[in-house]
C-alpha cells in the first residue's frame, strides 16, 4: 500500500472514530427534520383541520385574532401559509420576551385559516419536532453548536471524499462493487455493506454536507459569488417606507394584492408585517416551477402607508451566483426533487448510522478485537416459505382481525382526541 493511500486511510479512519457519532446524530435528526411539519401534526392532532371547507379568511382577520391573543407583543409578525388545505397558518414572532437571550426561540402561533381560531401558541425548541430540528442545526449548544455543525459539514465532506477514493473500484468493476456476500462471514458482510452503501449514498451525502456548511456560514459563499443578502429566500435587505405616516396604514390583504399584481400566477407563501413606523410589508411568493417550496426567492416590499411597491426581487433576473445560492436550501431539504427527493433524503440521513456500525465492525475485526462468525441465511428460507404459506391460508381470518383491531383503535383515538380537545378548551 503506497504512502498516499495509507495517509487517506488514516484520515478516513480517524474522522470516523472521532466524529462518527456526531455524523450519526446529524444524519438521524436530519432525516426526521425532513418531515418536521408532518411529525408535528402527527404528535399534535389539533394542528390539523379535519374537514376544510370554503376559502381562507382574510389575512387581516387572521392577524387580528393573533393580536387579540397576544396584545402585549410588538414588532413584526410573519404569517406562513399552510403546506396543505388541512394545515394551520403559522404566525411567527421572532423575538418574544420569554425567550430573550436564547439562540433561536421564536413564538409560533397556529391559527385555523377557516375560523381564525388561535389553536396553539408555542415556542420553538419546546416541541418535539423543533427540538429535533435544533439538534440537527446546533446540537442544542447555541452559537457554538451552530459553528460546530458547520465544521462537521466540512469534516463529512472529507470523510465521504476519502471513502470514495479508497473504495472506488473503477468503472470496469463498478457493478461488481455492489455485490453483497452474505455467505462469507460477518466481517465480509459488514465490509460489503459499508462499501456498497457508501458508494450509493456518497454523492447525496456530499451535497448535504456542502449545503449544510453553507447554511452555517452563508456569507462566505455569498461573498465569493457576489450574491449577498439572499438568505433562505424570504429574507433580504431592509427596505423602509418612504411615504409620510398618514394614520391609514395599508392592510395585509391590500399589500398582498399589490404584490401579486407583479406576479399574478404566484402563490403567497409568507407575509411579514411592518416593523415600526418606517417598516414595509414583505411578501414572499412562489412562482410555477420554483424549486424552493418553503422559502421561494420571489419577494415584494410594499410601503405600509402609500401601498406602493418599494422593491421587488425577481429570480428571472438573478445572476448565476444568486440562482445557485437560492437553490441551496431546497437542495439541502430535498424539496427541490419533490416528494421522492424528500424520501430519498430521509433514507440517506440514515446512512451515517449504517456506515458507522459496519465500518466499526470491520475495523474491530481487522484489529482482532472481535472474531468473525458465519452467517447462513439459507436456513431462513424454509422457515419463510412455511410462514408465507400459513399466512396465505389464514389471510381471511387475519384481515378480519385487522379490521376489528383498526376499528377499535380508531374509536379509541377519536375519544382520546375529543378528551384532549375538551381539556385544551377548558
Foldseek 3Di string as FASTA:
>chain_A
DDPVLVVLVVLLVCLCVPCLVVLLLLLQLLLLLLCLVVVQCVVPVLQWAPDQDDDFDDVLLLVVLVCVVPVPDAFKKKWFDDPDSGGWTWIWDFDDPVPPPAQGKIWTFTANRRPSDGRDIGIQCPDPSSVSVCCNQQVPPHLNSNVVLLVVLVSLLSNLVSLCVNLVPDPVCVVVLQDADQFPFDLSNLVSCLNNLSVVLSVLSNLLSVLSNCLSVVVVLCVVLVNPQQHLQQTGDFDWADDDDDPDWDDPVLLVVQLCVVVVQWDWGMWMDFGPPTGWIKTGTHHPPQLRDNRHNWIWTAHGHPRHTDDIDDPVPDDPSNVVSNCSVCSNSLSSVPPVRNVVSSVSSNVSVSSSVSVVSNVCVVVVNDDIDGGDCVVCVVVVVVVVVVCVVCVVVVVVVVVVVVVVVVVVVVVVVVVVVVVSVD
